[in-house]
Each structure stands twice: as structure tokens, then as C-alpha cells.
Amino acid sequence: MIGTTGKVLFFVGLVLAAVGLLLLLADRRCLLRNMPERLPLGRLPGDVRFRGDGFSVYFSWVSCLVVSVAASLIAWLPGRLAGWLSRRRRFADARP
């Protein structure tokens, strides 16, 4: 159990290090500058904007859907990887 947890934490650490390295490289090449302005969140087709006299209403349900799917995938991935590592360990232990 502890060995599996250690492997998962090691793998998560490698992934975080890789993401950090990519962010450093992207910043060096100015890819992250003005990122909020370049992302189309809030301006996707299906996002509702209504401007009346003295008020405005914004309901960006498509942007919320995109963020929700991305967050769900990010939350699902560690569990999937832990299951894969667990199955792999059981297979390795079953060998003679």
C-alpha cells in the first residue's frame, strides 16, 4: 500500500515538474502574456449577453460547461492513473 502511494506521489511530482517546465518555457517565449485576453471564455457561441437601458446581463453557460469538463478531466485523471498503477502492481506480483 505504501509503495503504491509512493509511486503515485512520485508520478504526480514528475507531472507537476513537467508542467512547471512547460510554463517556464512558455513564459520565456511570451506565450502566456495577455492569456486572459486571448482565451475566448465569456465570448463563446452560446454565451448570452443582454444589454438594456442602464443594465446588462451576462450568462456564459458554454464557458462554464467548458471549464467544468476541463476540471472534471483534471480530477478524474489521478484516480485513473492510481488504478492503472494498482493493476500493474498486481500483475507484477502474480508473476512467478
N, C-alpha and C. Protein backbone atom coordinates (compact mmCIF):
# COMPACT_ATOMS: atom_id res chain seq x y z
N MET A 1 0.82 -1.20 0.00
CA MET A 1 0.00 0.00 0.00
C MET A 1 0.86 1.26 0.00
N ILE A 2 1.85 1.28 0.89
CA ILE A 2 2.69 2.47 0.97
C ILE A 2 3.55 2.60 -0.28
N GLY A 3 4.00 1.49 -0.82
CA GLY A 3 4.79 1.53 -2.06
C GLY A 3 4.00 2.09 -3.22
N THR A 4 2.71 1.71 -3.31
CA THR A 4 1.86 2.22 -4.38
C THR A 4 1.63 3.72 -4.22
N THR A 5 1.39 4.14 -2.97
CA THR A 5 1.19 5.56 -2.71
C THR A 5 2.44 6.35 -3.07
N GLY A 6 3.59 5.79 -2.74
CA GLY A 6 4.84 6.46 -3.08
C GLY A 6 5.03 6.60 -4.58
N LYS A 7 4.67 5.55 -5.31
CA LYS A 7 4.79 5.62 -6.77
C LYS A 7 3.85 6.66 -7.36
N VAL A 8 2.64 6.71 -6.83
CA VAL A 8 1.68 7.70 -7.33
C VAL A 8 2.17 9.11 -7.03
N LEU A 9 2.65 9.34 -5.82
CA LEU A 9 3.16 10.67 -5.47
C LEU A 9 4.38 11.03 -6.32
N PHE A 10 5.23 10.06 -6.59
CA PHE A 10 6.39 10.30 -7.44
C PHE A 10 5.95 10.69 -8.85
N PHE A 11 4.97 9.96 -9.39
CA PHE A 11 4.47 10.25 -10.73
C PHE A 11 3.80 11.63 -10.78
N VAL A 12 3.01 11.95 -9.76
CA VAL A 12 2.36 13.27 -9.70
C VAL A 12 3.42 14.36 -9.63
N GLY A 13 4.48 14.11 -8.88
CA GLY A 13 5.58 15.08 -8.81
C GLY A 13 6.25 15.29 -10.15
N LEU A 14 6.45 14.21 -10.88
CA LEU A 14 7.04 14.34 -12.22
C LEU A 14 6.13 15.14 -13.16
N VAL A 15 4.84 14.88 -13.07
CA VAL A 15 3.89 15.61 -13.91
C VAL A 15 3.90 17.09 -13.56
N LEU A 16 3.90 17.40 -12.26
CA LEU A 16 3.94 18.81 -11.85
C LEU A 16 5.24 19.48 -12.29
N ALA A 17 6.35 18.77 -12.20
CA ALA A 17 7.61 19.34 -12.66
C ALA A 17 7.59 19.60 -14.17
N ALA A 18 7.00 18.67 -14.92
CA ALA A 18 6.91 18.85 -16.37
C ALA A 18 6.01 20.04 -16.71
N VAL A 19 4.90 20.18 -16.01
CA VAL A 19 4.01 21.32 -16.25
C VAL A 19 4.72 22.62 -15.90
N GLY A 20 5.45 22.62 -14.79
CA GLY A 20 6.22 23.81 -14.42
C GLY A 20 7.25 24.19 -15.45
N LEU A 21 7.94 23.18 -15.98
CA LEU A 21 8.94 23.44 -17.02
C LEU A 21 8.28 24.00 -18.28
N LEU A 22 7.14 23.44 -18.66
CA LEU A 22 6.43 23.96 -19.83
C LEU A 22 5.98 25.40 -19.62
N LEU A 23 5.51 25.71 -18.41
CA LEU A 23 5.10 27.08 -18.13
C LEU A 23 6.28 28.04 -18.17
N LEU A 24 7.44 27.60 -17.66
CA LEU A 24 8.63 28.45 -17.74
C LEU A 24 9.04 28.70 -19.19
N LEU A 25 9.02 27.64 -19.99
CA LEU A 25 9.39 27.80 -21.39
C LEU A 25 8.37 28.66 -22.13
N ALA A 26 7.10 28.49 -21.82
CA ALA A 26 6.07 29.28 -22.48
C ALA A 26 6.20 30.75 -22.09
N ASP A 27 6.54 31.03 -20.84
CA ASP A 27 6.71 32.41 -20.40
C ASP A 27 7.92 33.04 -21.05
N ARG A 28 8.95 32.25 -21.23
CA ARG A 28 10.14 32.76 -21.87
C ARG A 28 9.86 33.15 -23.33
N ARG A 29 8.99 32.45 -23.96
CA ARG A 29 8.65 32.74 -25.36
C ARG A 29 7.44 33.67 -25.46
N CYS A 30 7.04 34.25 -24.36
CA CYS A 30 5.94 35.22 -24.30
C CYS A 30 4.60 34.61 -24.72
N LEU A 31 4.43 33.32 -24.49
CA LEU A 31 3.17 32.69 -24.86
C LEU A 31 2.08 32.94 -23.82
N LEU A 32 2.48 33.28 -22.59
CA LEU A 32 1.50 33.46 -21.53
C LEU A 32 1.09 34.92 -21.33
N ARG A 33 1.72 35.82 -22.08
CA ARG A 33 1.34 37.22 -21.95
C ARG A 33 -0.05 37.44 -22.53
N ASN A 34 -0.85 38.20 -21.86
CA ASN A 34 -2.21 38.52 -22.28
C ASN A 34 -3.07 37.28 -22.47
N MET A 35 -2.79 36.24 -21.69
CA MET A 35 -3.55 34.99 -21.82
C MET A 35 -5.05 35.19 -21.55
N PRO A 36 -5.44 35.92 -20.50
CA PRO A 36 -6.88 36.10 -20.29
C PRO A 36 -7.57 36.80 -21.46
N GLU A 37 -6.86 37.68 -22.14
CA GLU A 37 -7.46 38.37 -23.28
C GLU A 37 -7.56 37.46 -24.50
N ARG A 38 -6.63 36.50 -24.61
CA ARG A 38 -6.64 35.60 -25.77
C ARG A 38 -7.59 34.43 -25.60
N LEU A 39 -7.89 34.04 -24.35
CA LEU A 39 -8.84 32.95 -24.13
C LEU A 39 -10.25 33.41 -24.47
N PRO A 40 -11.02 32.60 -25.17
CA PRO A 40 -12.35 33.04 -25.58
C PRO A 40 -13.42 32.84 -24.52
N LEU A 41 -13.03 32.53 -23.27
CA LEU A 41 -14.04 32.31 -22.24
C LEU A 41 -14.87 33.57 -22.03
N GLY A 42 -16.16 33.40 -22.05
CA GLY A 42 -17.07 34.54 -21.95
C GLY A 42 -17.49 35.07 -23.30
N ARG A 43 -16.84 34.62 -24.36
CA ARG A 43 -17.17 35.07 -25.70
C ARG A 43 -17.44 33.90 -26.64
N LEU A 44 -17.74 32.74 -26.09
CA LEU A 44 -18.01 31.57 -26.92
C LEU A 44 -19.43 31.62 -27.48
N PRO A 45 -19.66 30.95 -28.60
CA PRO A 45 -21.03 30.88 -29.12
C PRO A 45 -21.93 30.19 -28.09
N GLY A 46 -23.03 30.80 -27.78
CA GLY A 46 -23.94 30.26 -26.77
C GLY A 46 -23.89 31.05 -25.48
N ASP A 47 -22.87 31.87 -25.29
CA ASP A 47 -22.83 32.75 -24.14
C ASP A 47 -23.80 33.90 -24.38
N VAL A 48 -24.66 34.16 -23.40
CA VAL A 48 -25.74 35.13 -23.58
C VAL A 48 -25.33 36.47 -23.01
N ARG A 49 -25.51 37.50 -23.82
CA ARG A 49 -25.28 38.89 -23.39
C ARG A 49 -26.53 39.69 -23.72
N PHE A 50 -27.01 40.38 -22.73
CA PHE A 50 -28.17 41.23 -22.94
C PHE A 50 -27.88 42.59 -22.34
N ARG A 51 -27.97 43.62 -23.16
CA ARG A 51 -27.73 44.99 -22.69
C ARG A 51 -29.02 45.79 -22.85
N GLY A 52 -29.47 46.27 -21.73
CA GLY A 52 -30.67 47.10 -21.75
C GLY A 52 -30.32 48.52 -21.36
N ASP A 53 -31.34 49.32 -21.11
CA ASP A 53 -31.12 50.70 -20.67
C ASP A 53 -30.69 50.71 -19.21
N GLY A 54 -29.44 50.97 -18.97
CA GLY A 54 -28.94 51.09 -17.61
C GLY A 54 -28.53 49.77 -16.96
N PHE A 55 -28.60 48.66 -17.66
CA PHE A 55 -28.15 47.39 -17.07
C PHE A 55 -27.70 46.44 -18.17
N SER A 56 -26.97 45.46 -17.75
CA SER A 56 -26.55 44.42 -18.69
C SER A 56 -26.49 43.09 -17.94
N VAL A 57 -26.77 42.01 -18.67
CA VAL A 57 -26.77 40.67 -18.09
C VAL A 57 -25.86 39.80 -18.94
N TYR A 58 -24.95 39.10 -18.28
CA TYR A 58 -24.05 38.16 -18.96
C TYR A 58 -24.29 36.79 -18.34
N PHE A 59 -24.56 35.81 -19.17
CA PHE A 59 -24.69 34.44 -18.72
C PHE A 59 -23.88 33.58 -19.66
N SER A 60 -22.70 33.20 -19.21
CA SER A 60 -21.79 32.45 -20.08
C SER A 60 -21.87 30.97 -19.75
N TRP A 61 -22.95 30.33 -20.15
CA TRP A 61 -23.15 28.92 -19.80
C TRP A 61 -22.25 27.99 -20.60
N VAL A 62 -21.89 28.34 -21.81
CA VAL A 62 -21.00 27.49 -22.60
C VAL A 62 -19.58 27.55 -22.02
N SER A 63 -19.16 28.72 -21.60
CA SER A 63 -17.85 28.84 -20.96
C SER A 63 -17.82 28.05 -19.66
N CYS A 64 -18.90 28.10 -18.90
CA CYS A 64 -18.98 27.31 -17.66
C CYS A 64 -18.91 25.81 -17.97
N LEU A 65 -19.54 25.40 -19.04
CA LEU A 65 -19.51 24.00 -19.44
C LEU A 65 -18.09 23.56 -19.81
N VAL A 66 -17.38 24.39 -20.55
CA VAL A 66 -16.01 24.07 -20.94
C VAL A 66 -15.11 23.97 -19.71
N VAL A 67 -15.23 24.91 -18.79
CA VAL A 67 -14.41 24.87 -17.57
C VAL A 67 -14.77 23.65 -16.73
N SER A 68 -16.05 23.31 -16.66
CA SER A 68 -16.48 22.15 -15.88
C SER A 68 -15.92 20.85 -16.46
N VAL A 69 -15.95 20.70 -17.77
CA VAL A 69 -15.39 19.49 -18.40
C VAL A 69 -13.88 19.41 -18.16
N ALA A 70 -13.19 20.52 -18.28
CA ALA A 70 -11.74 20.52 -18.05
C ALA A 70 -11.43 20.17 -16.59
N ALA A 71 -12.17 20.73 -15.65
CA ALA A 71 -11.95 20.42 -14.23
C ALA A 71 -12.28 18.97 -13.93
N SER A 72 -13.32 18.43 -14.55
CA SER A 72 -13.68 17.03 -14.34
C SER A 72 -12.58 16.11 -14.84
N LEU A 73 -12.02 16.41 -16.00
CA LEU A 73 -10.92 15.60 -16.53
C LEU A 73 -9.69 15.66 -15.64
N ILE A 74 -9.40 16.85 -15.14
CA ILE A 74 -8.24 17.00 -14.25
C ILE A 74 -8.47 16.23 -12.96
N ALA A 75 -9.69 16.22 -12.45
CA ALA A 75 -9.99 15.49 -11.21
C ALA A 75 -10.04 13.98 -11.46
N TRP A 76 -10.43 13.55 -12.64
CA TRP A 76 -10.56 12.13 -12.96
C TRP A 76 -9.21 11.47 -13.21
N LEU A 77 -8.29 12.22 -13.78
CA LEU A 77 -7.02 11.66 -14.21
C LEU A 77 -6.20 11.02 -13.07
N PRO A 78 -6.03 11.65 -11.90
CA PRO A 78 -5.24 10.99 -10.85
C PRO A 78 -5.83 9.65 -10.40
N GLY A 79 -7.15 9.56 -10.31
CA GLY A 79 -7.78 8.29 -9.94
C GLY A 79 -7.54 7.22 -10.99
N ARG A 80 -7.61 7.60 -12.22
CA ARG A 80 -7.38 6.66 -13.32
C ARG A 80 -5.93 6.16 -13.30
N LEU A 81 -4.99 7.08 -13.06
CA LEU A 81 -3.58 6.70 -13.01
C LEU A 81 -3.30 5.80 -11.80
N ALA A 82 -3.93 6.09 -10.67
CA ALA A 82 -3.74 5.26 -9.48
C ALA A 82 -4.28 3.85 -9.73
N GLY A 83 -5.42 3.73 -10.40
CA GLY A 83 -5.96 2.42 -10.74
C GLY A 83 -5.06 1.67 -11.70
N TRP A 84 -4.48 2.37 -12.64
CA TRP A 84 -3.58 1.74 -13.60
C TRP A 84 -2.33 1.22 -12.89
N LEU A 85 -1.78 2.04 -11.97
CA LEU A 85 -0.60 1.60 -11.24
C LEU A 85 -0.92 0.41 -10.33
N SER A 86 -2.11 0.41 -9.75
CA SER A 86 -2.51 -0.69 -8.88
C SER A 86 -2.65 -1.99 -9.67
N ARG A 87 -3.28 -1.93 -10.84
CA ARG A 87 -3.43 -3.13 -11.67
C ARG A 87 -2.06 -3.61 -12.14
N ARG A 88 -1.20 -2.71 -12.46
CA ARG A 88 0.13 -3.07 -12.93
C ARG A 88 0.91 -3.77 -11.83
N ARG A 89 0.76 -3.29 -10.60
CA ARG A 89 1.48 -3.91 -9.48
C ARG A 89 0.93 -5.31 -9.20
N ARG A 90 -0.40 -5.47 -9.26
CA ARG A 90 -0.99 -6.79 -9.04
C ARG A 90 -0.51 -7.78 -10.10
N PHE A 91 -0.40 -7.30 -11.34
CA PHE A 91 0.08 -8.16 -12.42
C PHE A 91 1.54 -8.55 -12.17
N ALA A 92 2.35 -7.61 -11.72
CA ALA A 92 3.76 -7.90 -11.47
C ALA A 92 3.91 -8.87 -10.28
N ASP A 93 3.04 -8.74 -9.27
CA ASP A 93 3.11 -9.64 -8.11
C ASP A 93 2.65 -11.05 -8.47
N ALA A 94 1.80 -11.20 -9.48
CA ALA A 94 1.26 -12.50 -9.85
C ALA A 94 2.25 -13.33 -10.67
N ARG A 95 3.27 -12.70 -11.19
CA ARG A 95 4.27 -13.44 -11.98
C ARG A 95 5.07 -14.37 -11.08
N PRO A 96 5.45 -15.54 -11.59
CA PRO A 96 6.27 -16.47 -10.77
C PRO A 96 7.70 -16.02 -10.62
